[in-house]
Amino acid sequence: TRAKDACHEFLGLMQQQHPALRFSTDPPGKSAPSLQLEVITAGSGGLSVRSIWTGPDAKPVSSEILGVSVMDRAMSPSMQSNLLRRLLSANPLPF
């Protein structure tokens, strides 16, 4: 599905940008910081997402929702990639 593909691509981008850190698709731990990708909408007409960072103080900080929608064609893989890269560049992480 588009949501699953977006999550896997987001994980790959995080690993690429921060090779010294470990990222996984495991549920966040109770005491460790975590980063989540929340998929708001996902389908042939578009994708919208936001990131949620939970620091050591356990207070979540959500990014703005970013999205791309298409009406006259299917959403391409490059559109998804560009959206996820835009999400990461618009929301610098504290590590």
N, C-alpha and C. Protein backbone atom coordinates (compact mmCIF):
# COMPACT_ATOMS: atom_id res chain seq x y z
N THR A 1 0.84 -1.20 0.00
CA THR A 1 0.00 0.00 0.00
C THR A 1 0.88 1.25 0.00
N ARG A 2 0.30 2.36 -0.37
CA ARG A 2 1.05 3.62 -0.43
C ARG A 2 1.57 4.01 0.96
N ALA A 3 0.78 3.81 2.01
CA ALA A 3 1.21 4.17 3.37
C ALA A 3 2.43 3.34 3.78
N LYS A 4 2.38 2.06 3.53
CA LYS A 4 3.50 1.18 3.88
C LYS A 4 4.75 1.55 3.09
N ASP A 5 4.58 1.82 1.80
CA ASP A 5 5.72 2.24 0.97
C ASP A 5 6.33 3.54 1.49
N ALA A 6 5.48 4.48 1.88
CA ALA A 6 5.97 5.77 2.40
C ALA A 6 6.76 5.56 3.69
N CYS A 7 6.28 4.68 4.55
CA CYS A 7 6.98 4.42 5.82
C CYS A 7 8.35 3.79 5.56
N HIS A 8 8.40 2.84 4.65
CA HIS A 8 9.69 2.20 4.34
C HIS A 8 10.66 3.18 3.69
N GLU A 9 10.14 4.03 2.82
CA GLU A 9 11.01 5.02 2.19
C GLU A 9 11.51 6.04 3.21
N PHE A 10 10.63 6.46 4.12
CA PHE A 10 11.02 7.39 5.18
C PHE A 10 12.13 6.79 6.04
N LEU A 11 11.99 5.53 6.39
CA LEU A 11 13.01 4.83 7.17
C LEU A 11 14.34 4.83 6.41
N GLY A 12 14.30 4.55 5.11
CA GLY A 12 15.51 4.56 4.31
C GLY A 12 16.18 5.93 4.25
N LEU A 13 15.35 6.98 4.13
CA LEU A 13 15.89 8.33 4.11
C LEU A 13 16.55 8.68 5.44
N MET A 14 15.95 8.28 6.53
CA MET A 14 16.52 8.55 7.86
C MET A 14 17.86 7.82 8.01
N GLN A 15 17.91 6.57 7.58
CA GLN A 15 19.15 5.81 7.68
C GLN A 15 20.24 6.42 6.79
N GLN A 16 19.84 6.93 5.64
CA GLN A 16 20.79 7.56 4.72
C GLN A 16 21.32 8.87 5.29
N GLN A 17 20.46 9.68 5.88
CA GLN A 17 20.87 10.98 6.40
C GLN A 17 21.60 10.89 7.73
N HIS A 18 21.36 9.85 8.48
CA HIS A 18 21.96 9.69 9.82
C HIS A 18 22.52 8.28 9.98
N PRO A 19 23.58 7.95 9.24
CA PRO A 19 24.09 6.57 9.25
C PRO A 19 24.63 6.10 10.60
N ALA A 20 24.97 7.00 11.49
CA ALA A 20 25.51 6.60 12.80
C ALA A 20 24.40 6.20 13.78
N LEU A 21 23.15 6.48 13.42
CA LEU A 21 22.03 6.17 14.31
C LEU A 21 21.30 4.92 13.83
N ARG A 22 20.58 4.30 14.76
CA ARG A 22 19.80 3.10 14.43
C ARG A 22 18.32 3.48 14.36
N PHE A 23 17.68 3.11 13.27
CA PHE A 23 16.25 3.34 13.10
C PHE A 23 15.58 1.99 12.85
N SER A 24 14.35 1.86 13.28
CA SER A 24 13.63 0.62 13.04
C SER A 24 12.14 0.91 12.93
N THR A 25 11.42 -0.09 12.54
CA THR A 25 9.96 0.04 12.46
C THR A 25 9.29 -0.51 13.71
N ASP A 26 10.09 -0.82 14.71
CA ASP A 26 9.53 -1.30 15.98
C ASP A 26 8.74 -0.18 16.64
N PRO A 27 7.73 -0.56 17.44
CA PRO A 27 7.02 0.49 18.19
C PRO A 27 7.99 1.23 19.10
N PRO A 28 7.76 2.53 19.31
CA PRO A 28 8.69 3.30 20.16
C PRO A 28 8.73 2.75 21.58
N GLY A 29 9.93 2.80 22.17
CA GLY A 29 10.08 2.39 23.57
C GLY A 29 9.52 3.44 24.50
N LYS A 30 9.30 3.05 25.73
CA LYS A 30 8.72 3.98 26.70
C LYS A 30 9.72 5.03 27.19
N SER A 31 11.02 4.70 27.22
CA SER A 31 11.98 5.65 27.76
C SER A 31 12.88 6.29 26.70
N ALA A 32 12.93 5.72 25.51
CA ALA A 32 13.84 6.25 24.48
C ALA A 32 13.14 7.29 23.62
N PRO A 33 13.89 8.23 23.08
CA PRO A 33 13.30 9.15 22.11
C PRO A 33 12.79 8.36 20.90
N SER A 34 11.79 8.91 20.22
CA SER A 34 11.27 8.23 19.03
C SER A 34 10.86 9.25 17.98
N LEU A 35 10.84 8.78 16.76
CA LEU A 35 10.36 9.57 15.63
C LEU A 35 9.36 8.72 14.89
N GLN A 36 8.19 9.27 14.66
CA GLN A 36 7.16 8.54 13.96
C GLN A 36 6.75 9.30 12.71
N LEU A 37 6.38 8.57 11.69
CA LEU A 37 5.78 9.14 10.50
C LEU A 37 4.30 8.83 10.57
N GLU A 38 3.48 9.85 10.64
CA GLU A 38 2.04 9.64 10.64
C GLU A 38 1.52 9.89 9.23
N VAL A 39 0.90 8.89 8.66
CA VAL A 39 0.32 9.01 7.33
C VAL A 39 -1.13 9.43 7.51
N ILE A 40 -1.45 10.63 7.06
CA ILE A 40 -2.79 11.18 7.22
C ILE A 40 -3.70 10.65 6.12
N THR A 41 -3.26 10.76 4.87
CA THR A 41 -3.99 10.20 3.73
C THR A 41 -3.00 9.53 2.81
N ALA A 42 -3.44 8.45 2.19
CA ALA A 42 -2.59 7.74 1.24
C ALA A 42 -3.48 7.05 0.22
N GLY A 43 -3.24 7.33 -1.03
CA GLY A 43 -4.03 6.70 -2.08
C GLY A 43 -3.55 7.15 -3.43
N SER A 44 -4.27 6.74 -4.46
CA SER A 44 -3.86 7.09 -5.82
C SER A 44 -3.96 8.59 -6.07
N GLY A 45 -4.79 9.29 -5.29
CA GLY A 45 -4.95 10.73 -5.45
C GLY A 45 -3.97 11.57 -4.68
N GLY A 46 -3.12 10.96 -3.86
CA GLY A 46 -2.14 11.75 -3.14
C GLY A 46 -1.71 11.13 -1.83
N LEU A 47 -0.90 11.90 -1.12
CA LEU A 47 -0.32 11.46 0.15
C LEU A 47 -0.13 12.68 1.03
N SER A 48 -0.48 12.56 2.31
CA SER A 48 -0.17 13.62 3.27
C SER A 48 0.37 12.96 4.54
N VAL A 49 1.40 13.60 5.10
CA VAL A 49 2.13 13.02 6.23
C VAL A 49 2.56 14.11 7.20
N ARG A 50 2.94 13.68 8.39
CA ARG A 50 3.63 14.56 9.33
C ARG A 50 4.53 13.70 10.19
N SER A 51 5.55 14.34 10.75
CA SER A 51 6.46 13.63 11.65
C SER A 51 6.12 14.01 13.09
N ILE A 52 6.34 13.06 13.98
CA ILE A 52 6.11 13.29 15.41
C ILE A 52 7.37 12.85 16.15
N TRP A 53 8.05 13.83 16.75
CA TRP A 53 9.26 13.57 17.53
C TRP A 53 8.88 13.56 18.99
N THR A 54 9.26 12.50 19.68
CA THR A 54 9.07 12.43 21.13
C THR A 54 10.45 12.33 21.75
N GLY A 55 10.83 13.37 22.47
CA GLY A 55 12.16 13.44 23.07
C GLY A 55 12.23 12.70 24.39
N PRO A 56 13.37 12.78 25.04
CA PRO A 56 13.56 12.11 26.33
C PRO A 56 12.56 12.58 27.40
N ASP A 57 12.03 13.79 27.23
CA ASP A 57 11.06 14.30 28.20
C ASP A 57 9.65 13.75 27.96
N ALA A 58 9.50 12.88 26.95
CA ALA A 58 8.23 12.23 26.60
C ALA A 58 7.16 13.19 26.08
N LYS A 59 7.57 14.38 25.67
CA LYS A 59 6.60 15.33 25.10
C LYS A 59 6.68 15.28 23.59
N PRO A 60 5.58 14.87 22.93
CA PRO A 60 5.60 14.80 21.47
C PRO A 60 5.52 16.18 20.81
N VAL A 61 6.26 16.34 19.73
CA VAL A 61 6.24 17.57 18.94
C VAL A 61 5.90 17.16 17.51
N SER A 62 4.78 17.65 17.00
CA SER A 62 4.33 17.29 15.66
C SER A 62 4.71 18.37 14.66
N SER A 63 5.08 17.93 13.48
CA SER A 63 5.35 18.86 12.39
C SER A 63 4.02 19.27 11.76
N GLU A 64 4.09 20.22 10.87
CA GLU A 64 2.92 20.55 10.07
C GLU A 64 2.64 19.38 9.13
N ILE A 65 1.40 19.25 8.74
CA ILE A 65 1.05 18.23 7.75
C ILE A 65 1.46 18.74 6.38
N LEU A 66 2.21 17.92 5.67
CA LEU A 66 2.60 18.23 4.30
C LEU A 66 1.96 17.19 3.39
N GLY A 67 1.58 17.61 2.22
CA GLY A 67 0.95 16.66 1.31
C GLY A 67 1.10 17.04 -0.14
N VAL A 68 0.77 16.09 -0.95
CA VAL A 68 0.71 16.30 -2.39
C VAL A 68 -0.55 15.60 -2.87
N SER A 69 -1.31 16.28 -3.73
CA SER A 69 -2.50 15.65 -4.28
C SER A 69 -2.47 15.80 -5.79
N VAL A 70 -3.02 14.81 -6.44
CA VAL A 70 -3.08 14.80 -7.90
C VAL A 70 -4.49 14.45 -8.32
N MET A 71 -4.91 15.04 -9.41
CA MET A 71 -6.26 14.77 -9.88
C MET A 71 -6.28 14.19 -11.29
N ASP A 72 -5.31 14.56 -12.11
CA ASP A 72 -5.35 14.15 -13.51
C ASP A 72 -4.41 13.00 -13.83
N ARG A 73 -3.73 12.46 -12.83
CA ARG A 73 -2.82 11.34 -13.03
C ARG A 73 -2.57 10.66 -11.69
N ALA A 74 -1.96 9.51 -11.74
CA ALA A 74 -1.61 8.80 -10.51
C ALA A 74 -0.37 9.44 -9.90
N MET A 75 -0.28 9.33 -8.60
CA MET A 75 0.90 9.86 -7.91
C MET A 75 2.10 8.98 -8.24
N SER A 76 3.19 9.60 -8.62
CA SER A 76 4.39 8.86 -9.00
C SER A 76 5.29 8.64 -7.80
N PRO A 77 6.18 7.65 -7.88
CA PRO A 77 7.15 7.43 -6.81
C PRO A 77 8.01 8.67 -6.55
N SER A 78 8.36 9.42 -7.59
CA SER A 78 9.18 10.61 -7.38
C SER A 78 8.41 11.70 -6.61
N MET A 79 7.11 11.77 -6.80
CA MET A 79 6.30 12.73 -6.03
C MET A 79 6.33 12.37 -4.55
N GLN A 80 6.24 11.07 -4.25
CA GLN A 80 6.30 10.61 -2.86
C GLN A 80 7.67 10.92 -2.28
N SER A 81 8.72 10.62 -3.02
CA SER A 81 10.09 10.88 -2.53
C SER A 81 10.30 12.36 -2.24
N ASN A 82 9.85 13.20 -3.15
CA ASN A 82 10.00 14.64 -2.95
C ASN A 82 9.25 15.12 -1.72
N LEU A 83 8.07 14.59 -1.48
CA LEU A 83 7.29 14.97 -0.30
C LEU A 83 8.02 14.58 0.98
N LEU A 84 8.54 13.37 1.04
CA LEU A 84 9.24 12.91 2.24
C LEU A 84 10.53 13.70 2.47
N ARG A 85 11.23 14.02 1.42
CA ARG A 85 12.43 14.85 1.56
C ARG A 85 12.07 16.26 2.03
N ARG A 86 10.97 16.78 1.52
CA ARG A 86 10.50 18.10 1.95
C ARG A 86 10.12 18.08 3.44
N LEU A 87 9.49 17.00 3.88
CA LEU A 87 9.14 16.84 5.30
C LEU A 87 10.39 16.89 6.18
N LEU A 88 11.41 16.17 5.78
CA LEU A 88 12.65 16.13 6.56
C LEU A 88 13.38 17.46 6.55
N SER A 89 13.42 18.13 5.42
CA SER A 89 14.13 19.40 5.37
C SER A 89 13.36 20.52 6.08
N ALA A 90 12.05 20.44 6.13
CA ALA A 90 11.24 21.47 6.78
C ALA A 90 11.19 21.28 8.30
N ASN A 91 11.59 20.10 8.77
CA ASN A 91 11.50 19.80 10.19
C ASN A 91 12.80 19.20 10.69
N PRO A 92 13.80 20.04 10.94
CA PRO A 92 15.10 19.52 11.41
C PRO A 92 14.91 18.77 12.73
N LEU A 93 15.63 17.68 12.83
CA LEU A 93 15.53 16.83 14.03
C LEU A 93 16.63 17.19 15.02
N PRO A 94 16.37 16.99 16.30
CA PRO A 94 17.33 17.40 17.33
C PRO A 94 18.47 16.43 17.59
N PHE A 95 18.95 15.76 16.58
CA PHE A 95 20.09 14.85 16.76
C PHE A 95 21.03 14.96 15.59
